[in-house]
Amino acid sequence: MEETPQNPETRIALFQRKEIRRTIHNNEWWFVIADVVAALTDSVNPHGYIKDMRRRDPELGKGWGQIATPLSVATAGGPQNLNCSNTEGLFRLIQSIPSPKAEPFKRWLAKVGYERIQEIEDPELGTKRTRALYKAKGYSDDWIEKRMRSIAIRDELTDEWKKRGVREQREYAILTAEISEATFGLTPSQYAQFKRLQRENLRDHMTDLELIFSMLGEAATTEIARNRDALGFPQNKQAAHAGGAVAGNARLELERKSGRKVVTRENYLSLAQSAKKVGQLTHKSQRGKKKF
């Protein structure tokens, strides 16, 4: 299934351990320019670097409108329009960046472009690569299964919204916030701030339970929108609130019976890494005891 510009599920690519966000536009990968500049220059202020670069290279500045295109990209605070460029535009951009990483990055771009062609011919390859990326970043198989399912549920919901007359990016963001607030008591931007995230994808930093309830809220919204035959933004907003409330009520009931909050400041990866360290220490301790 082709990703639409309104779909906030953005893929992350890795170049020399640097995360570069990308999204599908016109059936090809478009990359967040600020992420590319940060990866090539190690700049802590890529936006400032871009501004200086455009000033130093007048031709680049004149052609900026052909290189940079604002596209919807998932951020910690929800989907935002960020300047992105395709492979052709990035090759022009690289000419203005004196970096020893330029040539390796060009080869990486060519590889990523070829992978996209493969994914068009065999869509399952994209799913397999996403799984492999999460695995490389240290996520457990159980978490990866939930995350992949959450992506599928999100895709189904955004497809349903599109069929029902929700078109504008702003409307997608409002509906997403409606579900999140009814489910967790927090909008995506508030949730990301609570978790101390900046540009990271919020769902990539959710625990198992947080993912489960986010899936429930969105799956319930899809079902309610269909059953009510919700049309247009106002009716789908009502469905979004109702769907989120289903998950929110379930969350509150679990918290009441378990005595623990579902929403946490921790992110799943840090929890998994902590558990791994504890396991390693326990294993070393047991090995030490055997020596005596």
C-alpha atoms as a PDB file:
ATOM      1  CA  MET A   1       0.000   0.000   0.000  1.00  0.00           C
ATOM      2  CA  GLU A   2       1.388   3.384  -0.987  1.00  0.00           C
ATOM      3  CA  GLU A   3       1.875   5.827   1.859  1.00  0.00           C
ATOM      4  CA  THR A   4      -0.087   9.043   1.429  1.00  0.00           C
ATOM      5  CA  PRO A   5       1.253  12.476   2.366  1.00  0.00           C
ATOM      6  CA  GLN A   6      -1.251  12.522   5.242  1.00  0.00           C
ATOM      7  CA  ASN A   7       0.029   9.310   6.777  1.00  0.00           C
ATOM      8  CA  PRO A   8       2.212  10.191   9.785  1.00  0.00           C
ATOM      9  CA  GLU A   9       3.887   6.787   9.799  1.00  0.00           C
ATOM     10  CA  THR A  10       7.327   7.751   8.565  1.00  0.00           C
ATOM     11  CA  ARG A  11      10.111   5.259   7.987  1.00  0.00           C
ATOM     12  CA  ILE A  12      13.502   5.786   9.599  1.00  0.00           C
ATOM     13  CA  ALA A  13      16.662   5.019   7.639  1.00  0.00           C
ATOM     14  CA  LEU A  14      20.128   4.722   9.146  1.00  0.00           C
ATOM     15  CA  PHE A  15      23.289   6.184   7.639  1.00  0.00           C
ATOM     16  CA  GLN A  16      26.391   5.478   9.723  1.00  0.00           C
ATOM     17  CA  ARG A  17      24.195   5.173  12.838  1.00  0.00           C
ATOM     18  CA  LYS A  18      22.498   8.517  12.148  1.00  0.00           C
ATOM     19  CA  GLU A  19      18.707   8.455  11.866  1.00  0.00           C
ATOM     20  CA  ILE A  20      17.253  10.027   8.721  1.00  0.00           C
ATOM     21  CA  ARG A  21      13.492  10.308   8.469  1.00  0.00           C
ATOM     22  CA  ARG A  22      11.902   9.671   5.098  1.00  0.00           C
ATOM     23  CA  THR A  23       8.443   9.433   3.581  1.00  0.00           C
ATOM     24  CA  ILE A  24       6.888   8.241   0.334  1.00  0.00           C
ATOM     25  CA  HIS A  25       5.888  10.955  -2.135  1.00  0.00           C
ATOM     26  CA  ASN A  26       5.085  10.311  -5.801  1.00  0.00           C
ATOM     27  CA  ASN A  27       6.093   6.691  -5.205  1.00  0.00           C
ATOM     28  CA  GLU A  28       9.692   7.488  -4.245  1.00  0.00           C
ATOM     29  CA  TRP A  29      11.571   8.180  -1.032  1.00  0.00           C
ATOM     30  CA  TRP A  30      11.890  11.785   0.118  1.00  0.00           C
ATOM     31  CA  PHE A  31      14.286  12.515   2.981  1.00  0.00           C
ATOM     32  CA  VAL A  32      14.162  15.193   5.681  1.00  0.00           C
ATOM     33  CA  ILE A  33      16.814  17.696   4.626  1.00  0.00           C
ATOM     34  CA  ALA A  34      17.746  18.728   8.170  1.00  0.00           C
ATOM     35  CA  ASP A  35      18.412  15.073   9.067  1.00  0.00           C
ATOM     36  CA  VAL A  36      20.658  14.638   6.020  1.00  0.00           C
ATOM     37  CA  VAL A  37      22.645  17.775   6.864  1.00  0.00           C
ATOM     38  CA  ALA A  38      23.025  16.646  10.482  1.00  0.00           C
ATOM     39  CA  ALA A  39      24.275  13.229   9.323  1.00  0.00           C
ATOM     40  CA  LEU A  40      26.817  14.712   6.903  1.00  0.00           C
ATOM     41  CA  THR A  41      28.110  17.544   9.068  1.00  0.00           C
ATOM     42  CA  ASP A  42      27.467  16.396  12.652  1.00  0.00           C
ATOM     43  CA  SER A  43      25.994  19.865  13.160  1.00  0.00           C
ATOM     44  CA  VAL A  44      23.954  20.380  16.332  1.00  0.00           C
ATOM     45  CA  ASN A  45      22.031  23.107  14.477  1.00  0.00           C
ATOM     46  CA  PRO A  46      21.318  21.749  10.980  1.00  0.00           C
ATOM     47  CA  HIS A  47      18.718  24.449  10.259  1.00  0.00           C
ATOM     48  CA  GLY A  48      21.326  27.137  10.897  1.00  0.00           C
ATOM     49  CA  TYR A  49      23.813  25.263   8.713  1.00  0.00           C
ATOM     50  CA  ILE A  50      21.243  25.122   5.894  1.00  0.00           C
ATOM     51  CA  LYS A  51      20.610  28.863   6.193  1.00  0.00           C
ATOM     52  CA  ASP A  52      24.361  29.608   5.998  1.00  0.00           C
ATOM     53  CA  MET A  53      24.799  27.144   3.133  1.00  0.00           C
ATOM     54  CA  ARG A  54      22.098  28.832   1.049  1.00  0.00           C
ATOM     55  CA  ARG A  55      23.758  32.185   1.689  1.00  0.00           C
ATOM     56  CA  ARG A  56      27.181  30.871   0.657  1.00  0.00           C
ATOM     57  CA  ASP A  57      25.813  29.222  -2.495  1.00  0.00           C
ATOM     58  CA  PRO A  58      23.534  31.700  -4.340  1.00  0.00           C
ATOM     59  CA  GLU A  59      22.643  29.146  -7.023  1.00  0.00           C
ATOM     60  CA  LEU A  60      21.481  26.737  -4.343  1.00  0.00           C
ATOM     61  CA  GLY A  61      19.403  29.501  -2.801  1.00  0.00           C
ATOM     62  CA  LYS A  62      17.761  30.331  -6.129  1.00  0.00           C
ATOM     63  CA  GLY A  63      16.854  26.716  -6.789  1.00  0.00           C
ATOM     64  CA  TRP A  64      15.768  25.921  -3.246  1.00  0.00           C
ATOM     65  CA  GLY A  65      12.114  25.692  -4.258  1.00  0.00           C
ATOM     66  CA  GLN A  66      12.967  22.835  -6.637  1.00  0.00           C
ATOM     67  CA  ILE A  67      15.059  21.004  -4.014  1.00  0.00           C
ATOM     68  CA  ALA A  68      12.956  21.385  -0.857  1.00  0.00           C
ATOM     69  CA  THR A  69       9.319  20.265  -0.665  1.00  0.00           C
ATOM     70  CA  PRO A  70       7.316  20.444   2.594  1.00  0.00           C
ATOM     71  CA  LEU A  71       5.903  16.962   3.305  1.00  0.00           C
ATOM     72  CA  SER A  72       4.133  15.406   6.267  1.00  0.00           C
ATOM     73  CA  VAL A  73       6.606  13.638   8.550  1.00  0.00           C
ATOM     74  CA  ALA A  74       6.043  11.954  11.909  1.00  0.00           C
ATOM     75  CA  THR A  75       7.643  13.816  14.819  1.00  0.00           C
ATOM     76  CA  ALA A  76       7.460  13.395  18.570  1.00  0.00           C
ATOM     77  CA  GLY A  77       4.651  15.959  18.703  1.00  0.00           C
ATOM     78  CA  GLY A  78       2.680  14.425  15.842  1.00  0.00           C
ATOM     79  CA  PRO A  79       2.863  14.832  12.050  1.00  0.00           C
ATOM     80  CA  GLN A  80       4.474  18.064  10.816  1.00  0.00           C
ATOM     81  CA  ASN A  81       5.351  19.495   7.423  1.00  0.00           C
ATOM     82  CA  LEU A  82       9.136  19.374   7.087  1.00  0.00           C
ATOM     83  CA  ASN A  83      11.342  20.261   4.129  1.00  0.00           C
ATOM     84  CA  CYS A  84      12.209  17.077   2.264  1.00  0.00           C
ATOM     85  CA  SER A  85      14.094  16.256  -0.906  1.00  0.00           C
ATOM     86  CA  ASN A  86      14.297  13.278  -3.236  1.00  0.00           C
ATOM     87  CA  THR A  87      17.532  11.648  -4.357  1.00  0.00           C
ATOM     88  CA  GLU A  88      18.057  14.078  -7.239  1.00  0.00           C
ATOM     89  CA  GLY A  89      17.675  17.093  -4.965  1.00  0.00           C
ATOM     90  CA  LEU A  90      19.992  15.640  -2.341  1.00  0.00           C
ATOM     91  CA  PHE A  91      22.745  15.101  -4.914  1.00  0.00           C
ATOM     92  CA  ARG A  92      22.588  18.846  -5.652  1.00  0.00           C
ATOM     93  CA  LEU A  93      22.556  19.630  -1.934  1.00  0.00           C
ATOM     94  CA  ILE A  94      25.621  17.508  -1.274  1.00  0.00           C
ATOM     95  CA  GLN A  95      27.622  19.619  -3.735  1.00  0.00           C
ATOM     96  CA  SER A  96      27.427  22.485  -1.232  1.00  0.00           C
ATOM     97  CA  ILE A  97      28.473  20.408   1.785  1.00  0.00           C
ATOM     98  CA  PRO A  98      32.232  19.823   2.208  1.00  0.00           C
ATOM     99  CA  SER A  99      32.120  16.492   3.991  1.00  0.00           C
ATOM    100  CA  PRO A 100      34.204  13.313   3.812  1.00  0.00           C
ATOM    101  CA  LYS A 101      30.899  11.469   4.166  1.00  0.00           C
ATOM    102  CA  ALA A 102      29.596  12.800   0.832  1.00  0.00           C
ATOM    103  CA  GLU A 103      30.679   9.879  -1.344  1.00  0.00           C
ATOM    104  CA  PRO A 104      29.558   7.161   1.100  1.00  0.00           C
ATOM    105  CA  PHE A 105      26.243   9.003   1.400  1.00  0.00           C
ATOM    106  CA  LYS A 106      25.769   9.021  -2.387  1.00  0.00           C
ATOM    107  CA  ARG A 107      26.316   5.270  -2.487  1.00  0.00           C
ATOM    108  CA  TRP A 108      23.877   4.880   0.404  1.00  0.00           C
ATOM    109  CA  LEU A 109      21.257   6.939  -1.471  1.00  0.00           C
ATOM    110  CA  ALA A 110      21.661   4.781  -4.557  1.00  0.00           C
ATOM    111  CA  LYS A 111      21.169   1.644  -2.451  1.00  0.00           C
ATOM    112  CA  VAL A 112      18.076   3.052  -0.745  1.00  0.00           C
ATOM    113  CA  GLY A 113      16.621   4.047  -4.134  1.00  0.00           C
ATOM    114  CA  TYR A 114      17.152   0.545  -5.462  1.00  0.00           C
ATOM    115  CA  GLU A 115      15.499  -0.902  -2.371  1.00  0.00           C
ATOM    116  CA  ARG A 116      12.437   1.247  -3.079  1.00  0.00           C
ATOM    117  CA  ILE A 117      12.168  -0.222  -6.573  1.00  0.00           C
ATOM    118  CA  GLN A 118      12.349  -3.696  -5.030  1.00  0.00           C
ATOM    119  CA  GLU A 119       9.636  -2.792  -2.512  1.00  0.00           C
ATOM    120  CA  ILE A 120       7.293  -1.636  -5.279  1.00  0.00           C
ATOM    121  CA  GLU A 121       7.715  -5.021  -6.948  1.00  0.00           C
ATOM    122  CA  ASP A 122       7.476  -6.934  -3.640  1.00  0.00           C
ATOM    123  CA  PRO A 123       5.768  -4.897  -0.841  1.00  0.00           C
ATOM    124  CA  GLU A 124       6.699  -7.490   1.800  1.00  0.00           C
ATOM    125  CA  LEU A 125      10.356  -6.455   1.490  1.00  0.00           C
ATOM    126  CA  GLY A 126       9.557  -3.080   3.065  1.00  0.00           C
ATOM    127  CA  THR A 127       7.993  -4.789   6.062  1.00  0.00           C
ATOM    128  CA  LYS A 128      10.969  -7.122   6.426  1.00  0.00           C
ATOM    129  CA  ARG A 129      13.417  -4.209   6.325  1.00  0.00           C
ATOM    130  CA  THR A 130      11.426  -2.291   8.932  1.00  0.00           C
ATOM    131  CA  ARG A 131      11.519  -5.344  11.207  1.00  0.00           C
ATOM    132  CA  ALA A 132      15.270  -5.695  10.675  1.00  0.00           C
ATOM    133  CA  LEU A 133      15.832  -2.024  11.520  1.00  0.00           C
ATOM    134  CA  TYR A 134      13.946  -2.295  14.817  1.00  0.00           C
ATOM    135  CA  LYS A 135      15.852  -5.484  15.610  1.00  0.00           C
ATOM    136  CA  ALA A 136      19.178  -3.736  14.939  1.00  0.00           C
ATOM    137  CA  LYS A 137      18.165  -0.934  17.302  1.00  0.00           C
ATOM    138  CA  GLY A 138      17.670  -3.423  20.132  1.00  0.00           C
ATOM    139  CA  TYR A 139      13.920  -3.964  20.265  1.00  0.00           C
ATOM    140  CA  SER A 140      12.588  -7.380  21.270  1.00  0.00           C
ATOM    141  CA  ASP A 141      10.696  -9.609  18.853  1.00  0.00           C
ATOM    142  CA  ASP A 142       7.508  -9.251  20.924  1.00  0.00           C
ATOM    143  CA  TRP A 143       7.677  -5.449  20.802  1.00  0.00           C
ATOM    144  CA  ILE A 144       8.418  -5.481  17.068  1.00  0.00           C
ATOM    145  CA  GLU A 145       5.319  -7.603  16.437  1.00  0.00           C
ATOM    146  CA  LYS A 146       3.165  -5.050  18.281  1.00  0.00           C
ATOM    147  CA  ARG A 147       4.797  -2.123  16.496  1.00  0.00           C
ATOM    148  CA  MET A 148       4.263  -3.669  13.063  1.00  0.00           C
ATOM    149  CA  ARG A 149       0.643  -4.353  13.954  1.00  0.00           C
ATOM    150  CA  SER A 150       0.230  -0.759  15.126  1.00  0.00           C
ATOM    151  CA  ILE A 151       1.522   0.474  11.755  1.00  0.00           C
ATOM    152  CA  ALA A 152      -1.006  -1.714   9.928  1.00  0.00           C
ATOM    153  CA  ILE A 153      -3.863  -0.470  12.139  1.00  0.00           C
ATOM    154  CA  ARG A 154      -2.797   3.133  11.594  1.00  0.00           C
ATOM    155  CA  ASP A 155      -2.672   2.610   7.824  1.00  0.00           C
ATOM    156  CA  GLU A 156      -6.175   1.134   7.894  1.00  0.00           C
ATOM    157  CA  LEU A 157      -7.474   4.121   9.861  1.00  0.00           C
ATOM    158  CA  THR A 158      -5.915   6.756   7.598  1.00  0.00           C
ATOM    159  CA  ASP A 159      -7.236   4.919   4.534  1.00  0.00           C
ATOM    160  CA  GLU A 160     -10.693   5.000   6.096  1.00  0.00           C
ATOM    161  CA  TRP A 161     -10.401   8.724   6.823  1.00  0.00           C
ATOM    162  CA  LYS A 162      -9.401   9.363   3.233  1.00  0.00           C
ATOM    163  CA  LYS A 163     -12.447   7.461   1.949  1.00  0.00           C
ATOM    164  CA  ARG A 164     -14.685   9.460   4.291  1.00  0.00           C
ATOM    165  CA  GLY A 165     -13.639  12.894   3.113  1.00  0.00           C
ATOM    166  CA  VAL A 166     -10.831  13.785   5.517  1.00  0.00           C
ATOM    167  CA  ARG A 167      -8.246  15.357   3.255  1.00  0.00           C
ATOM    168  CA  GLU A 168      -6.231  18.110   4.888  1.00  0.00           C
ATOM    169  CA  GLN A 169      -3.099  17.345   6.877  1.00  0.00           C
ATOM    170  CA  ARG A 170      -4.328  19.622   9.667  1.00  0.00           C
ATOM    171  CA  GLU A 171      -7.486  17.517   9.987  1.00  0.00           C
ATOM    172  CA  TYR A 172      -5.479  14.282  10.250  1.00  0.00           C
ATOM    173  CA  ALA A 173      -3.428  15.832  13.051  1.00  0.00           C
ATOM    174  CA  ILE A 174      -6.548  17.000  14.922  1.00  0.00           C
ATOM    175  CA  LEU A 175      -8.216  13.581  14.651  1.00  0.00           C
ATOM    176  CA  THR A 176      -5.032  11.857  15.832  1.00  0.00           C
ATOM    177  CA  ALA A 177      -4.833  14.217  18.807  1.00  0.00           C
ATOM    178  CA  GLU A 178      -8.513  13.558  19.587  1.00  0.00           C
ATOM    179  CA  ILE A 179      -7.908   9.795  19.809  1.00  0.00           C
ATOM    180  CA  SER A 180      -4.719  10.213  21.855  1.00  0.00           C
ATOM    181  CA  GLU A 181      -6.268  12.611  24.354  1.00  0.00           C
ATOM    182  CA  ALA A 182      -9.309  10.364  24.867  1.00  0.00           C
ATOM    183  CA  THR A 183      -7.066   7.302  25.207  1.00  0.00           C
ATOM    184  CA  PHE A 184      -4.236   8.630  27.362  1.00  0.00           C
ATOM    185  CA  GLY A 185      -5.367  12.054  28.559  1.00  0.00           C
ATOM    186  CA  LEU A 186      -2.553  13.587  26.476  1.00  0.00           C
ATOM    187  CA  THR A 187      -2.244  14.873  22.915  1.00  0.00           C
ATOM    188  CA  PRO A 188       0.748  13.501  20.945  1.00  0.00           C
ATOM    189  CA  SER A 189       2.754  16.694  21.542  1.00  0.00           C
ATOM    190  CA  GLN A 190       2.002  16.608  25.286  1.00  0.00           C
ATOM    191  CA  TYR A 191       2.821  12.902  25.375  1.00  0.00           C
ATOM    192  CA  ALA A 192       6.158  13.462  23.636  1.00  0.00           C
ATOM    193  CA  GLN A 193       7.007  16.282  26.037  1.00  0.00           C
ATOM    194  CA  PHE A 194       6.103  14.022  28.970  1.00  0.00           C
ATOM    195  CA  LYS A 195       8.519  11.385  27.632  1.00  0.00           C
ATOM    196  CA  ARG A 196      11.180  14.056  27.036  1.00  0.00           C
ATOM    197  CA  LEU A 197      11.286  13.330  23.309  1.00  0.00           C
ATOM    198  CA  GLN A 198      12.323  15.827  20.664  1.00  0.00           C
ATOM    199  CA  ARG A 199      12.202  14.669  17.050  1.00  0.00           C
ATOM    200  CA  GLU A 200      11.776  10.954  17.780  1.00  0.00           C
ATOM    201  CA  ASN A 201       8.690   9.021  16.718  1.00  0.00           C
ATOM    202  CA  LEU A 202       6.488   8.787  19.815  1.00  0.00           C
ATOM    203  CA  ARG A 203       5.308   5.246  19.132  1.00  0.00           C
ATOM    204  CA  ASP A 204       8.868   3.994  18.788  1.00  0.00           C
ATOM    205  CA  HIS A 205       9.270   4.999  22.443  1.00  0.00           C
ATOM    206  CA  MET A 206       6.112   3.401  23.800  1.00  0.00           C
ATOM    207  CA  THR A 207       6.008   0.419  26.116  1.00  0.00           C
ATOM    208  CA  ASP A 208       4.015  -2.685  25.247  1.00  0.00           C
ATOM    209  CA  LEU A 209       0.913  -1.466  27.092  1.00  0.00           C
ATOM    210  CA  GLU A 210       1.092   2.018  25.586  1.00  0.00           C
ATOM    211  CA  LEU A 211       1.250   0.493  22.119  1.00  0.00           C
ATOM    212  CA  ILE A 212      -1.648  -1.837  22.871  1.00  0.00           C
ATOM    213  CA  PHE A 213      -3.921   0.987  24.005  1.00  0.00           C
ATOM    214  CA  SER A 214      -2.931   3.217  21.075  1.00  0.00           C
ATOM    215  CA  MET A 215      -3.863   0.346  18.743  1.00  0.00           C
ATOM    216  CA  LEU A 216      -7.174  -0.168  20.556  1.00  0.00           C
ATOM    217  CA  GLY A 217      -8.054   3.525  20.234  1.00  0.00           C
ATOM    218  CA  GLU A 218      -7.342   3.625  16.511  1.00  0.00           C
ATOM    219  CA  ALA A 219      -8.948   0.252  15.734  1.00  0.00           C
ATOM    220  CA  ALA A 220     -12.058   1.296  17.671  1.00  0.00           C
ATOM    221  CA  THR A 221     -12.167   4.591  15.767  1.00  0.00           C
ATOM    222  CA  THR A 222     -12.051   2.767  12.423  1.00  0.00           C
ATOM    223  CA  GLU A 223     -14.862   0.448  13.484  1.00  0.00           C
ATOM    224  CA  ILE A 224     -17.051   3.273  14.833  1.00  0.00           C
ATOM    225  CA  ALA A 225     -16.503   5.436  11.731  1.00  0.00           C
ATOM    226  CA  ARG A 226     -17.597   2.544   9.520  1.00  0.00           C
ATOM    227  CA  ASN A 227     -20.631   1.606  11.600  1.00  0.00           C
ATOM    228  CA  ARG A 228     -21.789   5.220  11.843  1.00  0.00           C
ATOM    229  CA  ASP A 229     -20.906   5.858   8.199  1.00  0.00           C
ATOM    230  CA  ALA A 230     -19.132   9.016   9.375  1.00  0.00           C
ATOM    231  CA  LEU A 231     -18.607  11.492   6.537  1.00  0.00           C
ATOM    232  CA  GLY A 232     -16.450  14.609   6.577  1.00  0.00           C
ATOM    233  CA  PHE A 233     -14.315  16.052   9.344  1.00  0.00           C
ATOM    234  CA  PRO A 234     -16.938  16.850  12.052  1.00  0.00           C
ATOM    235  CA  GLN A 235     -18.475  13.368  12.052  1.00  0.00           C
ATOM    236  CA  ASN A 236     -15.080  11.669  11.979  1.00  0.00           C
ATOM    237  CA  LYS A 237     -13.963  13.838  14.890  1.00  0.00           C
ATOM    238  CA  GLN A 238     -16.888  12.493  16.911  1.00  0.00           C
ATOM    239  CA  ALA A 239     -15.921   8.947  15.908  1.00  0.00           C
ATOM    240  CA  ALA A 240     -12.295   9.631  16.883  1.00  0.00           C
ATOM    241  CA  HIS A 241     -13.328  10.812  20.331  1.00  0.00           C
ATOM    242  CA  ALA A 242     -15.602   7.790  20.781  1.00  0.00           C
ATOM    243  CA  GLY A 243     -12.893   5.370  19.641  1.00  0.00           C
ATOM    244  CA  GLY A 244     -10.329   6.940  21.930  1.00  0.00           C
ATOM    245  CA  ALA A 245     -12.813   6.790  24.813  1.00  0.00           C
ATOM    246  CA  VAL A 246     -13.143   3.022  24.354  1.00  0.00           C
ATOM    247  CA  ALA A 247      -9.378   2.659  24.860  1.00  0.00           C
ATOM    248  CA  GLY A 248      -9.325   5.319  27.579  1.00  0.00           C
ATOM    249  CA  ASN A 249     -11.963   3.550  29.654  1.00  0.00           C
ATOM    250  CA  ALA A 250     -10.097   0.254  29.284  1.00  0.00           C
ATOM    251  CA  ARG A 251      -6.856   1.951  30.349  1.00  0.00           C
ATOM    252  CA  LEU A 252      -8.467   3.458  33.454  1.00  0.00           C
ATOM    253  CA  GLU A 253      -9.978   0.109  34.408  1.00  0.00           C
ATOM    254  CA  LEU A 254      -6.581  -1.601  34.091  1.00  0.00           C
ATOM    255  CA  GLU A 255      -4.909   1.123  36.158  1.00  0.00           C
ATOM    256  CA  ARG A 256      -7.591   0.792  38.838  1.00  0.00           C
ATOM    257  CA  LYS A 257      -7.154  -2.978  39.128  1.00  0.00           C
ATOM    258  CA  SER A 258      -3.374  -3.125  38.708  1.00  0.00           C
ATOM    259  CA  GLY A 259      -2.526  -0.061  40.760  1.00  0.00           C
ATOM    260  CA  ARG A 260      -0.064   1.141  38.101  1.00  0.00           C
ATOM    261  CA  LYS A 261      -0.219   3.879  35.484  1.00  0.00           C
ATOM    262  CA  VAL A 262      -0.029   2.872  31.824  1.00  0.00           C
ATOM    263  CA  VAL A 263       1.520   6.147  30.653  1.00  0.00           C
ATOM    264  CA  THR A 264       5.168   6.318  31.660  1.00  0.00           C
ATOM    265  CA  ARG A 265       8.085   8.678  31.150  1.00  0.00           C
ATOM    266  CA  GLU A 266      10.226   5.713  30.153  1.00  0.00           C
ATOM    267  CA  ASN A 267      10.523   4.533  26.580  1.00  0.00           C
ATOM    268  CA  TYR A 268      10.459   0.889  25.666  1.00  0.00           C
ATOM    269  CA  LEU A 269      14.026   0.745  24.365  1.00  0.00           C
ATOM    270  CA  SER A 270      15.528   2.131  27.574  1.00  0.00           C
ATOM    271  CA  LEU A 271      13.447  -0.319  29.617  1.00  0.00           C
ATOM    272  CA  ALA A 272      14.564  -3.223  27.434  1.00  0.00           C
ATOM    273  CA  GLN A 273      18.203  -2.172  27.689  1.00  0.00           C
ATOM    274  CA  SER A 274      17.918  -1.882  31.476  1.00  0.00           C
ATOM    275  CA  ALA A 275      16.402  -5.356  31.661  1.00  0.00           C
ATOM    276  CA  LYS A 276      19.221  -6.683  29.488  1.00  0.00           C
ATOM    277  CA  LYS A 277      21.850  -5.154  31.774  1.00  0.00           C
ATOM    278  CA  VAL A 278      20.143  -6.660  34.827  1.00  0.00           C
ATOM    279  CA  GLY A 279      20.107 -10.025  33.081  1.00  0.00           C
ATOM    280  CA  GLN A 280      23.797  -9.753  32.246  1.00  0.00           C
ATOM    281  CA  LEU A 281      24.682  -8.815  35.825  1.00  0.00           C
ATOM    282  CA  THR A 282      22.595 -11.697  37.167  1.00  0.00           C
ATOM    283  CA  HIS A 283      24.289 -14.089  34.776  1.00  0.00           C
ATOM    284  CA  LYS A 284      27.757 -12.879  35.824  1.00  0.00           C
ATOM    285  CA  SER A 285      26.790 -13.177  39.483  1.00  0.00           C
ATOM    286  CA  GLN A 286      25.617 -16.735  38.998  1.00  0.00           C
ATOM    287  CA  ARG A 287      28.816 -17.595  37.146  1.00  0.00           C
ATOM    288  CA  GLY A 288      30.835 -16.091  39.979  1.00  0.00           C
ATOM    289  CA  LYS A 289      29.011 -18.216  42.563  1.00  0.00           C
ATOM    290  CA  LYS A 290      29.751 -21.392  40.600  1.00  0.00           C
ATOM    291  CA  LYS A 291      33.488 -20.730  40.885  1.00  0.00           C
ATOM    292  CA  PHE A 292      33.243 -21.107  44.626  1.00  0.00           C
END
